N, C-alpha and C. Protein backbone atom coordinates (compact mmCIF):
# COMPACT_ATOMS: atom_id res chain seq x y z
N MET A 1 -215.99 61.59 27.50
CA MET A 1 -215.22 62.33 26.53
C MET A 1 -215.58 63.82 26.55
N ARG A 2 -216.86 64.13 26.73
CA ARG A 2 -217.32 65.52 26.79
C ARG A 2 -216.73 66.24 27.99
N VAL A 3 -216.55 65.52 29.11
CA VAL A 3 -216.00 66.13 30.32
C VAL A 3 -214.56 66.57 30.07
N LEU A 4 -213.80 65.77 29.35
CA LEU A 4 -212.43 66.14 29.04
C LEU A 4 -212.37 67.39 28.16
N THR A 5 -213.30 67.52 27.27
CA THR A 5 -213.35 68.70 26.41
C THR A 5 -213.65 69.95 27.24
N ILE A 6 -214.56 69.83 28.17
CA ILE A 6 -214.90 70.96 29.04
C ILE A 6 -213.71 71.31 29.93
N LEU A 7 -213.06 70.31 30.48
CA LEU A 7 -211.89 70.56 31.33
C LEU A 7 -210.76 71.19 30.52
N ARG A 8 -210.60 70.79 29.28
CA ARG A 8 -209.59 71.38 28.42
C ARG A 8 -209.91 72.86 28.17
N GLY A 9 -211.18 73.15 27.97
CA GLY A 9 -211.60 74.54 27.78
C GLY A 9 -211.37 75.38 29.03
N LEU A 10 -211.68 74.82 30.19
CA LEU A 10 -211.44 75.54 31.45
C LEU A 10 -209.94 75.78 31.67
N ARG A 11 -209.14 74.81 31.29
CA ARG A 11 -207.68 74.97 31.44
C ARG A 11 -207.20 76.12 30.56
N LEU A 12 -207.73 76.21 29.34
CA LEU A 12 -207.36 77.32 28.46
C LEU A 12 -207.77 78.67 29.05
N LEU A 13 -208.93 78.70 29.69
CA LEU A 13 -209.38 79.95 30.32
C LEU A 13 -208.47 80.34 31.47
N VAL A 14 -208.09 79.38 32.29
CA VAL A 14 -207.24 79.67 33.44
C VAL A 14 -205.86 80.14 32.99
N LEU A 15 -205.35 79.54 31.94
CA LEU A 15 -204.02 79.91 31.46
C LEU A 15 -204.02 81.20 30.66
N GLY A 16 -205.17 81.75 30.41
CA GLY A 16 -205.25 83.04 29.74
C GLY A 16 -205.05 82.99 28.24
N GLU A 17 -205.42 81.91 27.60
CA GLU A 17 -205.23 81.78 26.16
C GLU A 17 -206.48 82.18 25.39
N THR A 18 -207.31 82.98 25.98
CA THR A 18 -208.52 83.45 25.30
C THR A 18 -208.74 84.92 25.63
N TRP A 19 -209.37 85.63 24.72
CA TRP A 19 -209.67 87.03 24.95
C TRP A 19 -211.12 87.24 25.33
N ILE A 20 -211.94 86.20 25.23
CA ILE A 20 -213.36 86.35 25.52
C ILE A 20 -213.59 86.68 26.99
N LEU A 21 -212.91 86.00 27.86
CA LEU A 21 -213.12 86.20 29.30
C LEU A 21 -212.74 87.61 29.75
N PRO A 22 -211.54 88.11 29.44
CA PRO A 22 -211.22 89.48 29.87
C PRO A 22 -212.11 90.54 29.23
N LEU A 23 -212.46 90.35 27.96
CA LEU A 23 -213.35 91.32 27.31
C LEU A 23 -214.74 91.28 27.92
N GLY A 24 -215.22 90.08 28.24
CA GLY A 24 -216.53 89.95 28.86
C GLY A 24 -216.58 90.61 30.23
N VAL A 25 -215.52 90.43 31.00
CA VAL A 25 -215.45 91.06 32.33
C VAL A 25 -215.41 92.59 32.18
N ALA A 26 -214.66 93.07 31.21
CA ALA A 26 -214.58 94.52 31.00
C ALA A 26 -215.94 95.09 30.61
N VAL A 27 -216.65 94.39 29.73
CA VAL A 27 -217.98 94.85 29.32
C VAL A 27 -218.94 94.85 30.51
N MET A 28 -218.87 93.80 31.33
CA MET A 28 -219.73 93.75 32.52
C MET A 28 -219.43 94.89 33.48
N LEU A 29 -218.16 95.19 33.70
CA LEU A 29 -217.81 96.28 34.61
C LEU A 29 -218.28 97.63 34.08
N LEU A 30 -218.09 97.86 32.78
CA LEU A 30 -218.55 99.12 32.19
C LEU A 30 -220.07 99.25 32.23
N ALA A 31 -220.75 98.16 31.93
CA ALA A 31 -222.22 98.19 31.96
C ALA A 31 -222.74 98.40 33.38
N SER A 32 -222.09 97.77 34.35
CA SER A 32 -222.55 97.95 35.73
C SER A 32 -222.28 99.37 36.22
N ALA A 33 -221.15 99.94 35.83
CA ALA A 33 -220.86 101.32 36.21
C ALA A 33 -221.86 102.29 35.58
N ALA A 34 -222.21 102.03 34.32
CA ALA A 34 -223.19 102.88 33.64
C ALA A 34 -224.57 102.76 34.29
N LEU A 35 -224.98 101.54 34.60
CA LEU A 35 -226.28 101.35 35.24
C LEU A 35 -226.31 101.99 36.62
N ARG A 36 -225.21 101.91 37.31
CA ARG A 36 -225.14 102.50 38.65
C ARG A 36 -225.28 104.02 38.59
N GLU A 37 -224.75 104.64 37.54
CA GLU A 37 -224.86 106.09 37.39
C GLU A 37 -226.25 106.50 36.90
N VAL A 38 -226.80 105.73 35.97
CA VAL A 38 -228.07 106.10 35.34
C VAL A 38 -229.26 105.80 36.26
N ALA A 39 -229.25 104.61 36.87
CA ALA A 39 -230.39 104.19 37.68
C ALA A 39 -229.90 103.58 38.99
N PRO A 40 -229.50 104.41 39.96
CA PRO A 40 -228.95 103.86 41.21
C PRO A 40 -229.95 103.02 42.00
N ASP A 41 -231.24 103.38 41.94
CA ASP A 41 -232.23 102.58 42.66
C ASP A 41 -232.35 101.18 42.07
N LEU A 42 -232.35 101.11 40.76
CA LEU A 42 -232.39 99.81 40.09
C LEU A 42 -231.14 99.00 40.41
N TRP A 43 -229.99 99.68 40.43
CA TRP A 43 -228.73 99.00 40.73
C TRP A 43 -228.77 98.39 42.13
N HIS A 44 -229.27 99.15 43.10
CA HIS A 44 -229.30 98.65 44.48
C HIS A 44 -230.27 97.49 44.65
N SER A 45 -231.30 97.43 43.83
CA SER A 45 -232.26 96.34 44.00
C SER A 45 -231.87 95.08 43.24
N ILE A 46 -231.33 95.21 42.01
CA ILE A 46 -231.02 93.99 41.25
C ILE A 46 -229.61 93.96 40.69
N GLY A 47 -228.72 94.81 41.15
CA GLY A 47 -227.36 94.86 40.63
C GLY A 47 -226.59 93.56 40.80
N GLY A 48 -226.74 92.94 41.96
CA GLY A 48 -226.03 91.68 42.21
C GLY A 48 -226.50 90.56 41.28
N LEU A 49 -227.79 90.52 41.04
CA LEU A 49 -228.33 89.50 40.13
C LEU A 49 -227.85 89.73 38.71
N LEU A 50 -227.76 90.99 38.30
CA LEU A 50 -227.27 91.29 36.96
C LEU A 50 -225.80 90.89 36.81
N LEU A 51 -225.00 91.15 37.82
CA LEU A 51 -223.60 90.74 37.77
C LEU A 51 -223.47 89.22 37.75
N LEU A 52 -224.29 88.53 38.52
CA LEU A 52 -224.27 87.06 38.51
C LEU A 52 -224.67 86.53 37.14
N ALA A 53 -225.72 87.07 36.56
CA ALA A 53 -226.16 86.62 35.24
C ALA A 53 -225.10 86.92 34.18
N GLY A 54 -224.47 88.07 34.27
CA GLY A 54 -223.41 88.42 33.33
C GLY A 54 -222.21 87.50 33.45
N THR A 55 -221.84 87.17 34.68
CA THR A 55 -220.72 86.27 34.92
C THR A 55 -221.00 84.89 34.35
N ILE A 56 -222.19 84.39 34.59
CA ILE A 56 -222.56 83.08 34.06
C ILE A 56 -222.58 83.10 32.53
N ALA A 57 -223.09 84.17 31.95
CA ALA A 57 -223.15 84.28 30.50
C ALA A 57 -221.75 84.33 29.89
N VAL A 58 -220.86 85.11 30.48
CA VAL A 58 -219.49 85.22 29.96
C VAL A 58 -218.76 83.89 30.08
N LEU A 59 -218.88 83.23 31.22
CA LEU A 59 -218.21 81.94 31.39
C LEU A 59 -218.78 80.89 30.43
N THR A 60 -220.09 80.87 30.25
CA THR A 60 -220.71 79.92 29.33
C THR A 60 -220.23 80.16 27.90
N LEU A 61 -220.20 81.41 27.48
CA LEU A 61 -219.74 81.74 26.14
C LEU A 61 -218.27 81.37 25.96
N ALA A 62 -217.45 81.68 26.94
CA ALA A 62 -216.02 81.39 26.84
C ALA A 62 -215.76 79.90 26.78
N VAL A 63 -216.44 79.11 27.60
CA VAL A 63 -216.23 77.67 27.59
C VAL A 63 -216.77 77.07 26.30
N ALA A 64 -217.91 77.55 25.83
CA ALA A 64 -218.48 77.02 24.58
C ALA A 64 -217.56 77.29 23.40
N ARG A 65 -217.00 78.48 23.32
CA ARG A 65 -216.09 78.79 22.21
C ARG A 65 -214.79 78.02 22.32
N SER A 66 -214.27 77.86 23.52
CA SER A 66 -213.00 77.16 23.67
C SER A 66 -213.15 75.66 23.40
N THR A 67 -214.29 75.08 23.75
CA THR A 67 -214.48 73.66 23.46
C THR A 67 -214.78 73.43 21.99
N ARG A 68 -215.41 74.39 21.33
CA ARG A 68 -215.73 74.25 19.92
C ARG A 68 -214.47 74.31 19.06
N SER A 69 -213.50 75.15 19.46
CA SER A 69 -212.29 75.31 18.67
C SER A 69 -211.28 74.19 18.92
N SER A 70 -211.44 73.42 19.98
CA SER A 70 -210.48 72.34 20.28
C SER A 70 -210.73 71.10 19.47
């Protein structure tokens, strides 16, 4: 039963019925651009890991909110 709830949440994300995902991506892009300007050495060493962590966090938050509201 839990799997169906998660799949329902993913379907809502794919169909674009949530604002969390686009806002999360926008925040990640702005934060990465700012970090790249402020600390380019830090960006080159761990920028990919920060983007990966941000992507996982945004997807987790979006799925958790969409399954909770269903």
